[in-house]
Amino acid sequence: MAAARTADASQAAYFRSMLADERVQLASELARSRAHLHACSAGGRVVGLRAMARARAEARELEARSREVQRLLAQLDQRFPRGWFAD
């Protein structure tokens, strides 16, 4: 039983670390995407409708991915409280 608990904690720590790294990367990509979207819609720039649609779709996709990573992290933290593994 102790070996299984140790293995579970090890896997939880690995996946939590991986998801936390992905969350940081997504936050960076989302900030860049939002800045691009803002630049497209502000400053009197002439931007085609397709470019705006692509910029909006990219931002929405990144937001959805970010929410999914947050959800996975929350479920992992609920299943394996932080005390189970060391950072």
PDB file of N, CA and C in Angstrom:
ATOM      1  N   MET A   1       0.828  -1.197   0.000  1.00  0.00           N
ATOM      2  CA  MET A   1       0.000   0.000   0.000  1.00  0.00           C
ATOM      3  C   MET A   1       0.871   1.258   0.000  1.00  0.00           C
ATOM      4  N   ALA A   2       1.931   1.245   0.793  1.00  0.00           N
ATOM      5  CA  ALA A   2       2.813   2.415   0.855  1.00  0.00           C
ATOM      6  C   ALA A   2       3.511   2.644  -0.476  1.00  0.00           C
ATOM      7  N   ALA A   3       3.868   1.564  -1.168  1.00  0.00           N
ATOM      8  CA  ALA A   3       4.532   1.701  -2.473  1.00  0.00           C
ATOM      9  C   ALA A   3       3.576   2.308  -3.494  1.00  0.00           C
ATOM     10  N   ALA A   4       2.324   1.897  -3.448  1.00  0.00           N
ATOM     11  CA  ALA A   4       1.330   2.448  -4.371  1.00  0.00           C
ATOM     12  C   ALA A   4       1.094   3.927  -4.079  1.00  0.00           C
ATOM     13  N   ARG A   5       1.033   4.267  -2.812  1.00  0.00           N
ATOM     14  CA  ARG A   5       0.835   5.672  -2.432  1.00  0.00           C
ATOM     15  C   ARG A   5       2.023   6.523  -2.891  1.00  0.00           C
ATOM     16  N   THR A   6       3.227   5.989  -2.741  1.00  0.00           N
ATOM     17  CA  THR A   6       4.427   6.699  -3.181  1.00  0.00           C
ATOM     18  C   THR A   6       4.417   6.878  -4.695  1.00  0.00           C
ATOM     19  N   ALA A   7       4.031   5.829  -5.417  1.00  0.00           N
ATOM     20  CA  ALA A   7       3.957   5.914  -6.879  1.00  0.00           C
ATOM     21  C   ALA A   7       2.901   6.929  -7.305  1.00  0.00           C
ATOM     22  N   ASP A   8       1.746   6.905  -6.644  1.00  0.00           N
ATOM     23  CA  ASP A   8       0.690   7.877  -6.951  1.00  0.00           C
ATOM     24  C   ASP A   8       1.171   9.301  -6.714  1.00  0.00           C
ATOM     25  N   ALA A   9       1.833   9.516  -5.591  1.00  0.00           N
ATOM     26  CA  ALA A   9       2.332  10.854  -5.262  1.00  0.00           C
ATOM     27  C   ALA A   9       3.379  11.304  -6.271  1.00  0.00           C
ATOM     28  N   SER A  10       4.214  10.388  -6.694  1.00  0.00           N
ATOM     29  CA  SER A  10       5.247  10.710  -7.677  1.00  0.00           C
ATOM     30  C   SER A  10       4.625  11.107  -9.013  1.00  0.00           C
ATOM     31  N   GLN A  11       3.637  10.348  -9.457  1.00  0.00           N
ATOM     32  CA  GLN A  11       2.954  10.678 -10.707  1.00  0.00           C
ATOM     33  C   GLN A  11       2.189  11.988 -10.587  1.00  0.00           C
ATOM     34  N   ALA A  12       1.538  12.197  -9.463  1.00  0.00           N
ATOM     35  CA  ALA A  12       0.801  13.444  -9.256  1.00  0.00           C
ATOM     36  C   ALA A  12       1.747  14.636  -9.299  1.00  0.00           C
ATOM     37  N   ALA A  13       2.899  14.508  -8.670  1.00  0.00           N
ATOM     38  CA  ALA A  13       3.881  15.598  -8.675  1.00  0.00           C
ATOM     39  C   ALA A  13       4.373  15.870 -10.087  1.00  0.00           C
ATOM     40  N   TYR A  14       4.631  14.812 -10.848  1.00  0.00           N
ATOM     41  CA  TYR A  14       5.101  14.965 -12.225  1.00  0.00           C
ATOM     42  C   TYR A  14       4.060  15.697 -13.069  1.00  0.00           C
ATOM     43  N   PHE A  15       2.815  15.210 -13.034  1.00  0.00           N
ATOM     44  CA  PHE A  15       1.779  15.820 -13.865  1.00  0.00           C
ATOM     45  C   PHE A  15       1.421  17.221 -13.388  1.00  0.00           C
ATOM     46  N   ARG A  16       1.472  17.458 -12.092  1.00  0.00           N
ATOM     47  CA  ARG A  16       1.195  18.805 -11.595  1.00  0.00           C
ATOM     48  C   ARG A  16       2.254  19.775 -12.100  1.00  0.00           C
ATOM     49  N   SER A  17       3.505  19.359 -12.069  1.00  0.00           N
ATOM     50  CA  SER A  17       4.596  20.197 -12.565  1.00  0.00           C
ATOM     51  C   SER A  17       4.433  20.470 -14.056  1.00  0.00           C
ATOM     52  N   MET A  18       4.095  19.432 -14.808  1.00  0.00           N
ATOM     53  CA  MET A  18       3.899  19.579 -16.246  1.00  0.00           C
ATOM     54  C   MET A  18       2.744  20.541 -16.543  1.00  0.00           C
ATOM     55  N   LEU A  19       1.639  20.381 -15.829  1.00  0.00           N
ATOM     56  CA  LEU A  19       0.485  21.255 -16.036  1.00  0.00           C
ATOM     57  C   LEU A  19       0.776  22.689 -15.596  1.00  0.00           C
ATOM     58  N   ALA A  20       1.522  22.856 -14.519  1.00  0.00           N
ATOM     59  CA  ALA A  20       1.878  24.207 -14.065  1.00  0.00           C
ATOM     60  C   ALA A  20       2.752  24.903 -15.103  1.00  0.00           C
ATOM     61  N   ASP A  21       3.685  24.172 -15.703  1.00  0.00           N
ATOM     62  CA  ASP A  21       4.512  24.745 -16.773  1.00  0.00           C
ATOM     63  C   ASP A  21       3.658  25.131 -17.974  1.00  0.00           C
ATOM     64  N   GLU A  22       2.710  24.258 -18.319  1.00  0.00           N
ATOM     65  CA  GLU A  22       1.820  24.558 -19.448  1.00  0.00           C
ATOM     66  C   GLU A  22       0.960  25.785 -19.149  1.00  0.00           C
ATOM     67  N   ARG A  23       0.526  25.922 -17.896  1.00  0.00           N
ATOM     68  CA  ARG A  23      -0.276  27.086 -17.511  1.00  0.00           C
ATOM     69  C   ARG A  23       0.512  28.376 -17.707  1.00  0.00           C
ATOM     70  N   VAL A  24       1.789  28.377 -17.333  1.00  0.00           N
ATOM     71  CA  VAL A  24       2.647  29.555 -17.515  1.00  0.00           C
ATOM     72  C   VAL A  24       2.808  29.869 -18.999  1.00  0.00           C
ATOM     73  N   GLN A  25       3.049  28.837 -19.795  1.00  0.00           N
ATOM     74  CA  GLN A  25       3.212  29.036 -21.236  1.00  0.00           C
ATOM     75  C   GLN A  25       1.926  29.572 -21.862  1.00  0.00           C
ATOM     76  N   LEU A  26       0.792  29.018 -21.467  1.00  0.00           N
ATOM     77  CA  LEU A  26      -0.485  29.485 -22.000  1.00  0.00           C
ATOM     78  C   LEU A  26      -0.756  30.930 -21.606  1.00  0.00           C
ATOM     79  N   ALA A  27      -0.411  31.304 -20.390  1.00  0.00           N
ATOM     80  CA  ALA A  27      -0.609  32.689 -19.950  1.00  0.00           C
ATOM     81  C   ALA A  27       0.200  33.640 -20.815  1.00  0.00           C
ATOM     82  N   SER A  28       1.412  33.250 -21.145  1.00  0.00           N
ATOM     83  CA  SER A  28       2.262  34.074 -22.004  1.00  0.00           C
ATOM     84  C   SER A  28       1.679  34.178 -23.410  1.00  0.00           C
ATOM     85  N   GLU A  29       1.261  33.044 -23.963  1.00  0.00           N
ATOM     86  CA  GLU A  29       0.665  33.042 -25.302  1.00  0.00           C
ATOM     87  C   GLU A  29      -0.630  33.845 -25.326  1.00  0.00           C
ATOM     88  N   LEU A  30      -1.419  33.736 -24.270  1.00  0.00           N
ATOM     89  CA  LEU A  30      -2.680  34.465 -24.205  1.00  0.00           C
ATOM     90  C   LEU A  30      -2.440  35.966 -24.120  1.00  0.00           C
ATOM     91  N   ALA A  31      -1.451  36.385 -23.351  1.00  0.00           N
ATOM     92  CA  ALA A  31      -1.115  37.812 -23.266  1.00  0.00           C
ATOM     93  C   ALA A  31      -0.688  38.338 -24.633  1.00  0.00           C
ATOM     94  N   ARG A  32       0.123  37.565 -25.339  1.00  0.00           N
ATOM     95  CA  ARG A  32       0.555  37.961 -26.678  1.00  0.00           C
ATOM     96  C   ARG A  32      -0.643  38.027 -27.631  1.00  0.00           C
ATOM     97  N   SER A  33      -1.516  37.040 -27.558  1.00  0.00           N
ATOM     98  CA  SER A  33      -2.684  36.995 -28.427  1.00  0.00           C
ATOM     99  C   SER A  33      -3.625  38.167 -28.162  1.00  0.00           C
ATOM    100  N   ARG A  34      -3.841  38.471 -26.890  1.00  0.00           N
ATOM    101  CA  ARG A  34      -4.713  39.606 -26.550  1.00  0.00           C
ATOM    102  C   ARG A  34      -4.105  40.928 -26.995  1.00  0.00           C
ATOM    103  N   ALA A  35      -2.788  41.059 -26.871  1.00  0.00           N
ATOM    104  CA  ALA A  35      -2.120  42.279 -27.336  1.00  0.00           C
ATOM    105  C   ALA A  35      -2.267  42.412 -28.842  1.00  0.00           C
ATOM    106  N   HIS A  36      -2.131  41.304 -29.554  1.00  0.00           N
ATOM    107  CA  HIS A  36      -2.298  41.321 -31.009  1.00  0.00           C
ATOM    108  C   HIS A  36      -3.731  41.695 -31.375  1.00  0.00           C
ATOM    109  N   LEU A  37      -4.694  41.120 -30.683  1.00  0.00           N
ATOM    110  CA  LEU A  37      -6.102  41.427 -30.938  1.00  0.00           C
ATOM    111  C   LEU A  37      -6.382  42.897 -30.670  1.00  0.00           C
ATOM    112  N   HIS A  38      -5.847  43.411 -29.570  1.00  0.00           N
ATOM    113  CA  HIS A  38      -6.038  44.830 -29.239  1.00  0.00           C
ATOM    114  C   HIS A  38      -5.402  45.719 -30.308  1.00  0.00           C
ATOM    115  N   ALA A  39      -4.216  45.350 -30.756  1.00  0.00           N
ATOM    116  CA  ALA A  39      -3.536  46.130 -31.795  1.00  0.00           C
ATOM    117  C   ALA A  39      -4.324  46.112 -33.096  1.00  0.00           C
ATOM    118  N   CYS A  40      -4.966  44.997 -33.395  1.00  0.00           N
ATOM    119  CA  CYS A  40      -5.767  44.901 -34.620  1.00  0.00           C
ATOM    120  C   CYS A  40      -7.006  45.787 -34.558  1.00  0.00           C
ATOM    121  N   SER A  41      -7.575  45.936 -33.368  1.00  0.00           N
ATOM    122  CA  SER A  41      -8.832  46.670 -33.251  1.00  0.00           C
ATOM    123  C   SER A  41      -8.650  48.124 -32.841  1.00  0.00           C
ATOM    124  N   ALA A  42      -7.450  48.510 -32.462  1.00  0.00           N
ATOM    125  CA  ALA A  42      -7.216  49.886 -32.010  1.00  0.00           C
ATOM    126  C   ALA A  42      -6.252  50.595 -32.956  1.00  0.00           C
ATOM    127  N   GLY A  43      -6.171  51.862 -32.787  1.00  0.00           N
ATOM    128  CA  GLY A  43      -5.174  52.637 -33.512  1.00  0.00           C
ATOM    129  C   GLY A  43      -5.499  52.904 -34.963  1.00  0.00           C
ATOM    130  N   GLY A  44      -6.714  52.664 -35.368  1.00  0.00           N
ATOM    131  CA  GLY A  44      -7.098  52.980 -36.734  1.00  0.00           C
ATOM    132  C   GLY A  44      -6.454  52.099 -37.787  1.00  0.00           C
ATOM    133  N   ARG A  45      -5.894  50.975 -37.372  1.00  0.00           N
ATOM    134  CA  ARG A  45      -5.310  50.055 -38.351  1.00  0.00           C
ATOM    135  C   ARG A  45      -6.406  49.423 -39.190  1.00  0.00           C
ATOM    136  N   VAL A  46      -6.116  49.263 -40.447  1.00  0.00           N
ATOM    137  CA  VAL A  46      -7.056  48.584 -41.329  1.00  0.00           C
ATOM    138  C   VAL A  46      -6.691  47.103 -41.323  1.00  0.00           C
ATOM    139  N   VAL A  47      -7.608  46.323 -40.811  1.00  0.00           N
ATOM    140  CA  VAL A  47      -7.383  44.883 -40.710  1.00  0.00           C
ATOM    141  C   VAL A  47      -8.592  44.196 -41.321  1.00  0.00           C
ATOM    142  N   GLY A  48      -8.346  43.174 -42.096  1.00  0.00           N
ATOM    143  CA  GLY A  48      -9.443  42.439 -42.718  1.00  0.00           C
ATOM    144  C   GLY A  48     -10.269  41.672 -41.706  1.00  0.00           C
ATOM    145  N   LEU A  49     -11.479  41.361 -42.118  1.00  0.00           N
ATOM    146  CA  LEU A  49     -12.382  40.621 -41.238  1.00  0.00           C
ATOM    147  C   LEU A  49     -11.837  39.235 -40.903  1.00  0.00           C
ATOM    148  N   ARG A  50     -11.200  38.609 -41.868  1.00  0.00           N
ATOM    149  CA  ARG A  50     -10.641  37.277 -41.593  1.00  0.00           C
ATOM    150  C   ARG A  50      -9.520  37.349 -40.564  1.00  0.00           C
ATOM    151  N   ALA A  51      -8.693  38.369 -40.652  1.00  0.00           N
ATOM    152  CA  ALA A  51      -7.602  38.525 -39.681  1.00  0.00           C
ATOM    153  C   ALA A  51      -8.163  38.741 -38.279  1.00  0.00           C
ATOM    154  N   MET A  52      -9.204  39.560 -38.175  1.00  0.00           N
ATOM    155  CA  MET A  52      -9.836  39.790 -36.864  1.00  0.00           C
ATOM    156  C   MET A  52     -10.467  38.501 -36.350  1.00  0.00           C
ATOM    157  N   ALA A  53     -11.144  37.779 -37.232  1.00  0.00           N
ATOM    158  CA  ALA A  53     -11.785  36.527 -36.825  1.00  0.00           C
ATOM    159  C   ALA A  53     -10.738  35.524 -36.352  1.00  0.00           C
ATOM    160  N   ARG A  54      -9.618  35.440 -37.062  1.00  0.00           N
ATOM    161  CA  ARG A  54      -8.546  34.526 -36.644  1.00  0.00           C
ATOM    162  C   ARG A  54      -7.973  34.937 -35.293  1.00  0.00           C
ATOM    163  N   ALA A  55      -7.770  36.243 -35.104  1.00  0.00           N
ATOM    164  CA  ALA A  55      -7.215  36.732 -33.833  1.00  0.00           C
ATOM    165  C   ALA A  55      -8.167  36.430 -32.678  1.00  0.00           C
ATOM    166  N   ARG A  56      -9.464  36.634 -32.897  1.00  0.00           N
ATOM    167  CA  ARG A  56     -10.451  36.329 -31.854  1.00  0.00           C
ATOM    168  C   ARG A  56     -10.500  34.828 -31.568  1.00  0.00           C
ATOM    169  N   ALA A  57     -10.492  34.033 -32.630  1.00  0.00           N
ATOM    170  CA  ALA A  57     -10.550  32.576 -32.465  1.00  0.00           C
ATOM    171  C   ALA A  57      -9.322  32.069 -31.712  1.00  0.00           C
ATOM    172  N   GLU A  58      -8.164  32.619 -32.024  1.00  0.00           N
ATOM    173  CA  GLU A  58      -6.939  32.208 -31.326  1.00  0.00           C
ATOM    174  C   GLU A  58      -7.033  32.539 -29.843  1.00  0.00           C
ATOM    175  N   ALA A  59      -7.510  33.739 -29.528  1.00  0.00           N
ATOM    176  CA  ALA A  59      -7.647  34.136 -28.122  1.00  0.00           C
ATOM    177  C   ALA A  59      -8.643  33.230 -27.402  1.00  0.00           C
ATOM    178  N   ARG A  60      -9.775  32.930 -28.048  1.00  0.00           N
ATOM    179  CA  ARG A  60     -10.772  32.049 -27.428  1.00  0.00           C
ATOM    180  C   ARG A  60     -10.214  30.643 -27.211  1.00  0.00           C
ATOM    181  N   GLU A  61      -9.462  30.143 -28.179  1.00  0.00           N
ATOM    182  CA  GLU A  61      -8.876  28.807 -28.048  1.00  0.00           C
ATOM    183  C   GLU A  61      -7.876  28.761 -26.892  1.00  0.00           C
ATOM    184  N   LEU A  62      -7.044  29.779 -26.787  1.00  0.00           N
ATOM    185  CA  LEU A  62      -6.075  29.828 -25.692  1.00  0.00           C
ATOM    186  C   LEU A  62      -6.776  29.949 -24.344  1.00  0.00           C
ATOM    187  N   GLU A  63      -7.858  30.736 -24.289  1.00  0.00           N
ATOM    188  CA  GLU A  63      -8.624  30.858 -23.046  1.00  0.00           C
ATOM    189  C   GLU A  63      -9.226  29.507 -22.652  1.00  0.00           C
ATOM    190  N   ALA A  64      -9.755  28.778 -23.631  1.00  0.00           N
ATOM    191  CA  ALA A  64     -10.343  27.462 -23.352  1.00  0.00           C
ATOM    192  C   ALA A  64      -9.273  26.483 -22.871  1.00  0.00           C
ATOM    193  N   ARG A  65      -8.120  26.482 -23.518  1.00  0.00           N
ATOM    194  CA  ARG A  65      -7.026  25.605 -23.088  1.00  0.00           C
ATOM    195  C   ARG A  65      -6.573  25.961 -21.679  1.00  0.00           C
ATOM    196  N   SER A  66      -6.516  27.253 -21.385  1.00  0.00           N
ATOM    197  CA  SER A  66      -6.107  27.701 -20.055  1.00  0.00           C
ATOM    198  C   SER A  66      -7.107  27.238 -18.994  1.00  0.00           C
ATOM    199  N   ARG A  67      -8.396  27.360 -19.301  1.00  0.00           N
ATOM    200  CA  ARG A  67      -9.424  26.889 -18.363  1.00  0.00           C
ATOM    201  C   ARG A  67      -9.309  25.384 -18.137  1.00  0.00           C
ATOM    202  N   GLU A  68      -9.025  24.643 -19.202  1.00  0.00           N
ATOM    203  CA  GLU A  68      -8.898  23.192 -19.080  1.00  0.00           C
ATOM    204  C   GLU A  68      -7.702  22.822 -18.201  1.00  0.00           C
ATOM    205  N   VAL A  69      -6.589  23.490 -18.382  1.00  0.00           N
ATOM    206  CA  VAL A  69      -5.410  23.221 -17.551  1.00  0.00           C
ATOM    207  C   VAL A  69      -5.714  23.568 -16.097  1.00  0.00           C
ATOM    208  N   GLN A  70      -6.389  24.688 -15.872  1.00  0.00           N
ATOM    209  CA  GLN A  70      -6.769  25.067 -14.503  1.00  0.00           C
ATOM    210  C   GLN A  70      -7.672  24.007 -13.879  1.00  0.00           C
ATOM    211  N   ARG A  71      -8.621  23.497 -14.675  1.00  0.00           N
ATOM    212  CA  ARG A  71      -9.537  22.472 -14.183  1.00  0.00           C
ATOM    213  C   ARG A  71      -8.765  21.200 -13.814  1.00  0.00           C
ATOM    214  N   LEU A  72      -7.845  20.800 -14.676  1.00  0.00           N
ATOM    215  CA  LEU A  72      -7.044  19.607 -14.398  1.00  0.00           C
ATOM    216  C   LEU A  72      -6.190  19.781 -13.147  1.00  0.00           C
ATOM    217  N   LEU A  73      -5.593  20.956 -12.996  1.00  0.00           N
ATOM    218  CA  LEU A  73      -4.797  21.223 -11.794  1.00  0.00           C
ATOM    219  C   LEU A  73      -5.664  21.172 -10.539  1.00  0.00           C
ATOM    220  N   ALA A  74      -6.848  21.756 -10.613  1.00  0.00           N
ATOM    221  CA  ALA A  74      -7.744  21.758  -9.452  1.00  0.00           C
ATOM    222  C   ALA A  74      -8.151  20.336  -9.080  1.00  0.00           C
ATOM    223  N   GLN A  75      -8.458  19.514 -10.086  1.00  0.00           N
ATOM    224  CA  GLN A  75      -8.834  18.131  -9.796  1.00  0.00           C
ATOM    225  C   GLN A  75      -7.661  17.338  -9.234  1.00  0.00           C
ATOM    226  N   LEU A  76      -6.488  17.586  -9.768  1.00  0.00           N
ATOM    227  CA  LEU A  76      -5.296  16.905  -9.260  1.00  0.00           C
ATOM    228  C   LEU A  76      -5.028  17.309  -7.813  1.00  0.00           C
ATOM    229  N   ASP A  77      -5.164  18.608  -7.524  1.00  0.00           N
ATOM    230  CA  ASP A  77      -4.951  19.086  -6.155  1.00  0.00           C
ATOM    231  C   ASP A  77      -6.015  18.552  -5.202  1.00  0.00           C
ATOM    232  N   GLN A  78      -7.233  18.375  -5.711  1.00  0.00           N
ATOM    233  CA  GLN A  78      -8.294  17.832  -4.871  1.00  0.00           C
ATOM    234  C   GLN A  78      -8.030  16.351  -4.567  1.00  0.00           C
ATOM    235  N   ARG A  79      -7.593  15.622  -5.570  1.00  0.00           N
ATOM    236  CA  ARG A  79      -7.335  14.190  -5.399  1.00  0.00           C
ATOM    237  C   ARG A  79      -6.069  13.927  -4.585  1.00  0.00           C
ATOM    238  N   PHE A  80      -5.047  14.750  -4.820  1.00  0.00           N
ATOM    239  CA  PHE A  80      -3.768  14.602  -4.132  1.00  0.00           C
ATOM    240  C   PHE A  80      -3.417  15.921  -3.466  1.00  0.00           C
ATOM    241  N   PRO A  81      -3.810  16.107  -2.212  1.00  0.00           N
ATOM    242  CA  PRO A  81      -3.483  17.361  -1.522  1.00  0.00           C
ATOM    243  C   PRO A  81      -1.986  17.635  -1.556  1.00  0.00           C
ATOM    244  N   ARG A  82      -1.631  18.897  -1.477  1.00  0.00           N
ATOM    245  CA  ARG A  82      -0.232  19.321  -1.623  1.00  0.00           C
ATOM    246  C   ARG A  82       0.703  18.600  -0.646  1.00  0.00           C
ATOM    247  N   GLY A  83       0.224  18.173   0.476  1.00  0.00           N
ATOM    248  CA  GLY A  83       1.055  17.478   1.444  1.00  0.00           C
ATOM    249  C   GLY A  83       1.516  16.097   0.993  1.00  0.00           C
ATOM    250  N   TRP A  84       0.914  15.591  -0.079  1.00  0.00           N
ATOM    251  CA  TRP A  84       1.275  14.264  -0.572  1.00  0.00           C
ATOM    252  C   TRP A  84       2.657  14.237  -1.197  1.00  0.00           C
ATOM    253  N   PHE A  85       3.079  15.366  -1.719  1.00  0.00           N
ATOM    254  CA  PHE A  85       4.368  15.377  -2.416  1.00  0.00           C
ATOM    255  C   PHE A  85       5.080  16.682  -2.147  1.00  0.00           C
ATOM    256  N   ALA A  86       6.385  16.646  -2.263  1.00  0.00           N
ATOM    257  CA  ALA A  86       7.199  17.851  -2.052  1.00  0.00           C
ATOM    258  C   ALA A  86       7.427  18.526  -3.388  1.00  0.00           C
ATOM    259  N   ASP A  87       7.443  19.853  -3.370  1.00  0.00           N
ATOM    260  CA  ASP A  87       7.706  20.606  -4.609  1.00  0.00           C
ATOM    261  C   ASP A  87       9.174  20.678  -4.889  1.00  0.00           C
TER     262      ASP A  87
END
